[in-house]
Amino acid sequence: MKLNNRGWSLSEEIILMVILFICLLVATYYIIVFYNSVAKNSENIYTELENKIRKGAIKYTNTYGQYSVITSEMLTDESLLPSFIDNQGEYCVGYVLIINDIYNPYIKCDNYTTKNFNDKYLK
């Protein structure tokens, strides 16, 4: 680009604006991709916690007989749920509601709560 006493030419300014616009688009794309990957990773961690409590409840009913509700505290007391901590190191609580031999896990953490979670089952 040639700078003279009159400044930049119109075509040079347009080229510069196009380059800056492309850089802005690329940066926006990577910000969106990063945000989505972080959100997806969080969801996977809570799904894993729900699966842990479900598996522990199945072992519990195989050992102690049929129950309608099994809490995370019951599983922890019997060492069937070794750790119930989310990705930020916060303890979670939960329960498994058993209806017609279908094990439905519900958990509650600081940043996540399973849909239809009800505190009354924890008591």
N, C-alpha and C. Protein backbone atom coordinates (compact mmCIF):
# COMPACT_ATOMS: atom_id res chain seq x y z
N MET A 1 0.84 -1.17 0.00
CA MET A 1 0.00 0.00 0.00
C MET A 1 0.88 1.23 0.00
N LYS A 2 0.55 2.08 -0.82
CA LYS A 2 1.35 3.27 -1.03
C LYS A 2 0.72 4.46 -0.30
N LEU A 3 1.47 5.08 0.57
CA LEU A 3 0.96 6.23 1.30
C LEU A 3 1.54 7.49 0.66
N ASN A 4 0.65 8.36 0.27
CA ASN A 4 1.12 9.63 -0.27
C ASN A 4 0.56 10.76 0.57
N ASN A 5 0.72 11.95 0.15
CA ASN A 5 0.29 13.11 0.94
C ASN A 5 -1.23 13.17 1.09
N ARG A 6 -1.96 12.50 0.22
CA ARG A 6 -3.41 12.56 0.28
C ARG A 6 -3.98 11.44 1.14
N GLY A 7 -3.20 10.51 1.66
CA GLY A 7 -3.68 9.42 2.48
C GLY A 7 -3.88 8.16 1.67
N TRP A 8 -4.73 7.28 2.15
CA TRP A 8 -4.98 6.00 1.53
C TRP A 8 -6.03 6.16 0.43
N SER A 9 -5.92 5.34 -0.56
CA SER A 9 -6.92 5.39 -1.62
C SER A 9 -8.17 4.61 -1.17
N LEU A 10 -9.28 4.82 -1.84
CA LEU A 10 -10.53 4.16 -1.50
C LEU A 10 -10.42 2.65 -1.64
N SER A 11 -9.76 2.18 -2.69
CA SER A 11 -9.63 0.73 -2.88
C SER A 11 -8.79 0.10 -1.76
N GLU A 12 -7.78 0.78 -1.28
CA GLU A 12 -6.97 0.26 -0.18
C GLU A 12 -7.77 0.20 1.11
N GLU A 13 -8.59 1.20 1.35
CA GLU A 13 -9.43 1.20 2.54
C GLU A 13 -10.47 0.08 2.49
N ILE A 14 -11.04 -0.17 1.33
CA ILE A 14 -12.02 -1.25 1.18
C ILE A 14 -11.34 -2.60 1.42
N ILE A 15 -10.16 -2.79 0.90
CA ILE A 15 -9.43 -4.04 1.11
C ILE A 15 -9.14 -4.23 2.60
N LEU A 16 -8.73 -3.19 3.27
CA LEU A 16 -8.47 -3.26 4.71
C LEU A 16 -9.74 -3.61 5.48
N MET A 17 -10.85 -3.01 5.13
CA MET A 17 -12.13 -3.30 5.81
C MET A 17 -12.56 -4.76 5.57
N VAL A 18 -12.35 -5.27 4.37
CA VAL A 18 -12.70 -6.66 4.06
C VAL A 18 -11.85 -7.61 4.90
N ILE A 19 -10.56 -7.32 5.01
CA ILE A 19 -9.67 -8.16 5.81
C ILE A 19 -10.09 -8.14 7.29
N LEU A 20 -10.39 -6.97 7.82
CA LEU A 20 -10.84 -6.87 9.20
C LEU A 20 -12.17 -7.60 9.41
N PHE A 21 -13.08 -7.52 8.45
CA PHE A 21 -14.36 -8.19 8.55
C PHE A 21 -14.18 -9.71 8.56
N ILE A 22 -13.29 -10.21 7.73
CA ILE A 22 -13.01 -11.66 7.70
C ILE A 22 -12.42 -12.11 9.04
N CYS A 23 -11.51 -11.32 9.59
CA CYS A 23 -10.94 -11.65 10.90
C CYS A 23 -12.02 -11.67 11.98
N LEU A 24 -12.95 -10.74 11.92
CA LEU A 24 -14.05 -10.71 12.87
C LEU A 24 -14.94 -11.93 12.73
N LEU A 25 -15.23 -12.35 11.52
CA LEU A 25 -16.03 -13.55 11.29
C LEU A 25 -15.35 -14.80 11.84
N VAL A 26 -14.07 -14.94 11.59
CA VAL A 26 -13.32 -16.10 12.07
C VAL A 26 -13.31 -16.13 13.60
N ALA A 27 -13.07 -14.98 14.22
CA ALA A 27 -13.05 -14.91 15.68
C ALA A 27 -14.42 -15.27 16.26
N THR A 28 -15.49 -14.77 15.65
CA THR A 28 -16.84 -15.08 16.11
C THR A 28 -17.13 -16.56 16.00
N TYR A 29 -16.73 -17.17 14.90
CA TYR A 29 -16.94 -18.61 14.71
C TYR A 29 -16.27 -19.41 15.82
N TYR A 30 -15.02 -19.10 16.13
CA TYR A 30 -14.30 -19.85 17.15
C TYR A 30 -14.85 -19.61 18.56
N ILE A 31 -15.36 -18.43 18.83
CA ILE A 31 -15.99 -18.17 20.12
C ILE A 31 -17.24 -19.04 20.26
N ILE A 32 -18.05 -19.14 19.22
CA ILE A 32 -19.26 -19.94 19.25
C ILE A 32 -18.92 -21.42 19.41
N VAL A 33 -17.93 -21.90 18.69
CA VAL A 33 -17.52 -23.31 18.79
C VAL A 33 -17.02 -23.61 20.20
N PHE A 34 -16.23 -22.74 20.78
CA PHE A 34 -15.72 -22.94 22.13
C PHE A 34 -16.87 -22.97 23.14
N TYR A 35 -17.80 -22.04 23.04
CA TYR A 35 -18.94 -21.98 23.96
C TYR A 35 -19.76 -23.27 23.88
N ASN A 36 -20.04 -23.74 22.68
CA ASN A 36 -20.83 -24.97 22.51
C ASN A 36 -20.13 -26.19 23.08
N SER A 37 -18.81 -26.27 22.92
CA SER A 37 -18.09 -27.42 23.45
C SER A 37 -18.08 -27.42 24.97
N VAL A 38 -17.99 -26.25 25.59
CA VAL A 38 -18.03 -26.16 27.04
C VAL A 38 -19.41 -26.55 27.56
N ALA A 39 -20.46 -26.09 26.90
CA ALA A 39 -21.83 -26.42 27.32
C ALA A 39 -22.09 -27.92 27.17
N LYS A 40 -21.63 -28.50 26.07
CA LYS A 40 -21.85 -29.94 25.84
C LYS A 40 -21.09 -30.78 26.88
N ASN A 41 -19.89 -30.35 27.22
CA ASN A 41 -19.10 -31.07 28.22
C ASN A 41 -19.79 -31.06 29.57
N SER A 42 -20.38 -29.94 29.95
CA SER A 42 -21.11 -29.85 31.21
C SER A 42 -22.29 -30.81 31.23
N GLU A 43 -23.04 -30.85 30.15
CA GLU A 43 -24.18 -31.76 30.08
C GLU A 43 -23.75 -33.21 30.19
N ASN A 44 -22.64 -33.56 29.58
CA ASN A 44 -22.14 -34.94 29.65
C ASN A 44 -21.77 -35.32 31.08
N ILE A 45 -21.22 -34.41 31.84
CA ILE A 45 -20.83 -34.71 33.22
C ILE A 45 -22.07 -35.02 34.05
N TYR A 46 -23.13 -34.25 33.87
CA TYR A 46 -24.35 -34.49 34.65
C TYR A 46 -25.07 -35.76 34.19
N THR A 47 -24.98 -36.07 32.91
CA THR A 47 -25.54 -37.34 32.43
C THR A 47 -24.78 -38.51 33.05
N GLU A 48 -23.47 -38.38 33.17
CA GLU A 48 -22.67 -39.43 33.82
C GLU A 48 -23.06 -39.59 35.29
N LEU A 49 -23.31 -38.47 35.98
CA LEU A 49 -23.74 -38.55 37.37
C LEU A 49 -25.10 -39.24 37.49
N GLU A 50 -26.00 -38.94 36.57
CA GLU A 50 -27.31 -39.61 36.58
C GLU A 50 -27.15 -41.11 36.34
N ASN A 51 -26.25 -41.48 35.44
CA ASN A 51 -26.01 -42.90 35.18
C ASN A 51 -25.37 -43.59 36.39
N LYS A 52 -24.47 -42.89 37.10
CA LYS A 52 -23.84 -43.46 38.30
C LYS A 52 -24.88 -43.78 39.36
N ILE A 53 -25.78 -42.82 39.59
CA ILE A 53 -26.78 -43.05 40.65
C ILE A 53 -27.77 -44.13 40.23
N ARG A 54 -28.08 -44.22 38.93
CA ARG A 54 -28.98 -45.28 38.44
C ARG A 54 -28.34 -46.66 38.66
N LYS A 55 -27.07 -46.80 38.28
CA LYS A 55 -26.37 -48.08 38.45
C LYS A 55 -26.26 -48.47 39.92
N GLY A 56 -26.00 -47.48 40.77
CA GLY A 56 -25.93 -47.76 42.20
C GLY A 56 -27.28 -48.22 42.75
N ALA A 57 -28.36 -47.63 42.26
CA ALA A 57 -29.70 -48.02 42.71
C ALA A 57 -30.04 -49.44 42.27
N ILE A 58 -29.61 -49.81 41.09
CA ILE A 58 -29.85 -51.18 40.62
C ILE A 58 -29.12 -52.18 41.52
N LYS A 59 -27.87 -51.88 41.86
CA LYS A 59 -27.11 -52.75 42.77
C LYS A 59 -27.77 -52.81 44.14
N TYR A 60 -28.27 -51.66 44.60
CA TYR A 60 -28.91 -51.59 45.90
C TYR A 60 -30.15 -52.47 45.95
N THR A 61 -31.00 -52.39 44.93
CA THR A 61 -32.22 -53.21 44.93
C THR A 61 -31.89 -54.70 44.77
N ASN A 62 -30.83 -55.01 44.06
CA ASN A 62 -30.42 -56.42 43.94
C ASN A 62 -29.96 -56.98 45.28
N THR A 63 -29.38 -56.12 46.12
CA THR A 63 -28.87 -56.55 47.41
C THR A 63 -29.94 -56.50 48.51
N TYR A 64 -30.70 -55.41 48.56
CA TYR A 64 -31.60 -55.17 49.69
C TYR A 64 -33.08 -55.31 49.35
N GLY A 65 -33.42 -55.64 48.14
CA GLY A 65 -34.82 -55.78 47.77
C GLY A 65 -35.36 -54.53 47.10
N GLN A 66 -36.62 -54.59 46.78
CA GLN A 66 -37.25 -53.54 46.00
C GLN A 66 -37.62 -52.33 46.87
N TYR A 67 -37.29 -51.17 46.39
CA TYR A 67 -37.65 -49.90 47.01
C TYR A 67 -38.30 -49.03 45.94
N SER A 68 -39.06 -48.02 46.36
CA SER A 68 -39.63 -47.11 45.37
C SER A 68 -38.74 -45.89 45.16
N VAL A 69 -38.00 -45.50 46.21
CA VAL A 69 -37.08 -44.37 46.11
C VAL A 69 -35.78 -44.74 46.81
N ILE A 70 -34.68 -44.49 46.12
CA ILE A 70 -33.36 -44.71 46.70
C ILE A 70 -32.59 -43.41 46.58
N THR A 71 -32.12 -42.88 47.69
CA THR A 71 -31.42 -41.59 47.68
C THR A 71 -29.92 -41.79 47.51
N SER A 72 -29.26 -40.72 47.12
CA SER A 72 -27.80 -40.77 46.98
C SER A 72 -27.15 -41.03 48.34
N GLU A 73 -27.77 -40.57 49.41
CA GLU A 73 -27.24 -40.80 50.75
C GLU A 73 -27.26 -42.30 51.09
N MET A 74 -28.34 -42.98 50.72
CA MET A 74 -28.43 -44.43 50.96
C MET A 74 -27.32 -45.15 50.20
N LEU A 75 -27.09 -44.73 48.96
CA LEU A 75 -26.07 -45.38 48.13
C LEU A 75 -24.66 -45.10 48.66
N THR A 76 -24.44 -43.88 49.13
CA THR A 76 -23.13 -43.53 49.67
C THR A 76 -22.86 -44.30 50.96
N ASP A 77 -23.89 -44.43 51.80
CA ASP A 77 -23.72 -45.18 53.05
C ASP A 77 -23.34 -46.64 52.80
N GLU A 78 -23.82 -47.21 51.72
CA GLU A 78 -23.52 -48.61 51.38
C GLU A 78 -22.34 -48.75 50.42
N SER A 79 -21.63 -47.66 50.18
CA SER A 79 -20.46 -47.61 49.28
C SER A 79 -20.80 -48.02 47.85
N LEU A 80 -22.03 -47.77 47.45
CA LEU A 80 -22.42 -48.05 46.07
C LEU A 80 -22.31 -46.81 45.18
N LEU A 81 -22.06 -45.67 45.80
CA LEU A 81 -21.87 -44.41 45.09
C LEU A 81 -20.66 -43.73 45.70
N PRO A 82 -19.45 -44.03 45.18
CA PRO A 82 -18.23 -43.56 45.83
C PRO A 82 -18.09 -42.04 45.88
N SER A 83 -18.40 -41.36 44.79
CA SER A 83 -18.29 -39.91 44.79
C SER A 83 -19.45 -39.35 43.97
N PHE A 84 -20.03 -38.30 44.50
CA PHE A 84 -21.16 -37.68 43.81
C PHE A 84 -20.87 -36.19 43.70
N ILE A 85 -19.84 -35.89 42.89
CA ILE A 85 -19.31 -34.53 42.77
C ILE A 85 -19.34 -34.13 41.30
N ASP A 86 -19.73 -32.87 41.03
CA ASP A 86 -19.76 -32.40 39.64
C ASP A 86 -18.37 -31.93 39.21
N ASN A 87 -18.28 -31.37 38.01
CA ASN A 87 -16.98 -30.99 37.45
C ASN A 87 -16.35 -29.78 38.15
N GLN A 88 -17.10 -29.11 39.02
CA GLN A 88 -16.56 -27.97 39.75
C GLN A 88 -16.23 -28.32 41.19
N GLY A 89 -16.30 -29.60 41.51
CA GLY A 89 -15.95 -30.05 42.85
C GLY A 89 -17.07 -29.89 43.86
N GLU A 90 -18.26 -29.58 43.42
CA GLU A 90 -19.39 -29.39 44.32
C GLU A 90 -20.14 -30.71 44.50
N TYR A 91 -20.55 -30.98 45.73
CA TYR A 91 -21.33 -32.18 46.00
C TYR A 91 -22.74 -32.02 45.46
N CYS A 92 -23.26 -33.11 44.93
CA CYS A 92 -24.61 -33.13 44.41
C CYS A 92 -25.45 -34.06 45.29
N VAL A 93 -26.75 -33.89 45.21
CA VAL A 93 -27.67 -34.80 45.88
C VAL A 93 -28.60 -35.36 44.82
N GLY A 94 -29.21 -36.48 45.14
CA GLY A 94 -30.12 -37.05 44.16
C GLY A 94 -30.86 -38.25 44.69
N TYR A 95 -31.69 -38.78 43.84
CA TYR A 95 -32.45 -39.96 44.18
C TYR A 95 -32.83 -40.67 42.89
N VAL A 96 -33.23 -41.92 43.04
CA VAL A 96 -33.72 -42.69 41.90
C VAL A 96 -35.14 -43.11 42.24
N LEU A 97 -36.05 -42.76 41.38
CA LEU A 97 -37.45 -43.12 41.54
C LEU A 97 -37.69 -44.37 40.70
N ILE A 98 -38.16 -45.43 41.35
CA ILE A 98 -38.35 -46.71 40.67
C ILE A 98 -39.84 -46.95 40.47
N ILE A 99 -40.26 -46.97 39.22
CA ILE A 99 -41.66 -47.20 38.88
C ILE A 99 -41.71 -48.30 37.83
N ASN A 100 -42.39 -49.41 38.16
CA ASN A 100 -42.52 -50.54 37.24
C ASN A 100 -41.16 -51.02 36.71
N ASP A 101 -40.21 -51.17 37.61
CA ASP A 101 -38.85 -51.62 37.28
C ASP A 101 -38.11 -50.69 36.32
N ILE A 102 -38.53 -49.45 36.26
CA ILE A 102 -37.81 -48.43 35.47
C ILE A 102 -37.16 -47.48 36.47
N TYR A 103 -35.85 -47.34 36.36
CA TYR A 103 -35.06 -46.54 37.28
C TYR A 103 -34.88 -45.14 36.68
N ASN A 104 -35.49 -44.14 37.31
CA ASN A 104 -35.42 -42.76 36.83
C ASN A 104 -34.57 -41.93 37.79
N PRO A 105 -33.35 -41.55 37.37
CA PRO A 105 -32.47 -40.78 38.26
C PRO A 105 -32.79 -39.28 38.21
N TYR A 106 -32.67 -38.65 39.35
CA TYR A 106 -32.84 -37.20 39.47
C TYR A 106 -31.71 -36.68 40.34
N ILE A 107 -31.02 -35.66 39.85
CA ILE A 107 -29.92 -35.08 40.63
C ILE A 107 -30.08 -33.57 40.72
N LYS A 108 -29.44 -33.02 41.75
CA LYS A 108 -29.44 -31.58 41.94
C LYS A 108 -28.03 -31.16 42.35
N CYS A 109 -27.44 -30.31 41.51
CA CYS A 109 -26.13 -29.73 41.80
C CYS A 109 -26.29 -28.22 41.81
N ASP A 110 -25.22 -27.50 42.10
CA ASP A 110 -25.32 -26.04 42.12
C ASP A 110 -25.74 -25.47 40.77
N ASN A 111 -25.20 -26.03 39.68
CA ASN A 111 -25.45 -25.47 38.36
C ASN A 111 -26.36 -26.31 37.48
N TYR A 112 -26.94 -27.35 38.04
CA TYR A 112 -27.77 -28.24 37.23
C TYR A 112 -28.78 -28.94 38.12
N THR A 113 -30.00 -29.05 37.61
CA THR A 113 -31.03 -29.82 38.29
C THR A 113 -31.79 -30.59 37.23
N THR A 114 -31.96 -31.89 37.45
CA THR A 114 -32.71 -32.72 36.52
C THR A 114 -34.16 -32.22 36.49
N LYS A 115 -34.74 -32.22 35.31
CA LYS A 115 -36.14 -31.81 35.16
C LYS A 115 -37.02 -32.69 36.04
N ASN A 116 -37.98 -32.09 36.71
CA ASN A 116 -38.93 -32.74 37.61
C ASN A 116 -38.30 -33.22 38.92
N PHE A 117 -37.12 -32.71 39.26
CA PHE A 117 -36.50 -33.03 40.55
C PHE A 117 -37.40 -32.51 41.66
N ASN A 118 -37.56 -33.31 42.73
CA ASN A 118 -38.42 -32.91 43.84
C ASN A 118 -37.69 -33.19 45.15
N ASP A 119 -37.51 -32.16 45.95
CA ASP A 119 -36.77 -32.28 47.21
C ASP A 119 -37.45 -33.22 48.22
N LYS A 120 -38.74 -33.42 48.08
CA LYS A 120 -39.46 -34.24 49.08
C LYS A 120 -38.94 -35.69 49.12
N TYR A 121 -38.35 -36.17 48.03
CA TYR A 121 -37.85 -37.55 48.01
C TYR A 121 -36.52 -37.71 48.74
N LEU A 122 -35.87 -36.61 49.07
CA LEU A 122 -34.58 -36.68 49.76
C LEU A 122 -34.74 -36.85 51.26
N LYS A 123 -35.93 -36.66 51.78
CA LYS A 123 -36.15 -36.71 53.24
C LYS A 123 -36.51 -38.08 53.70
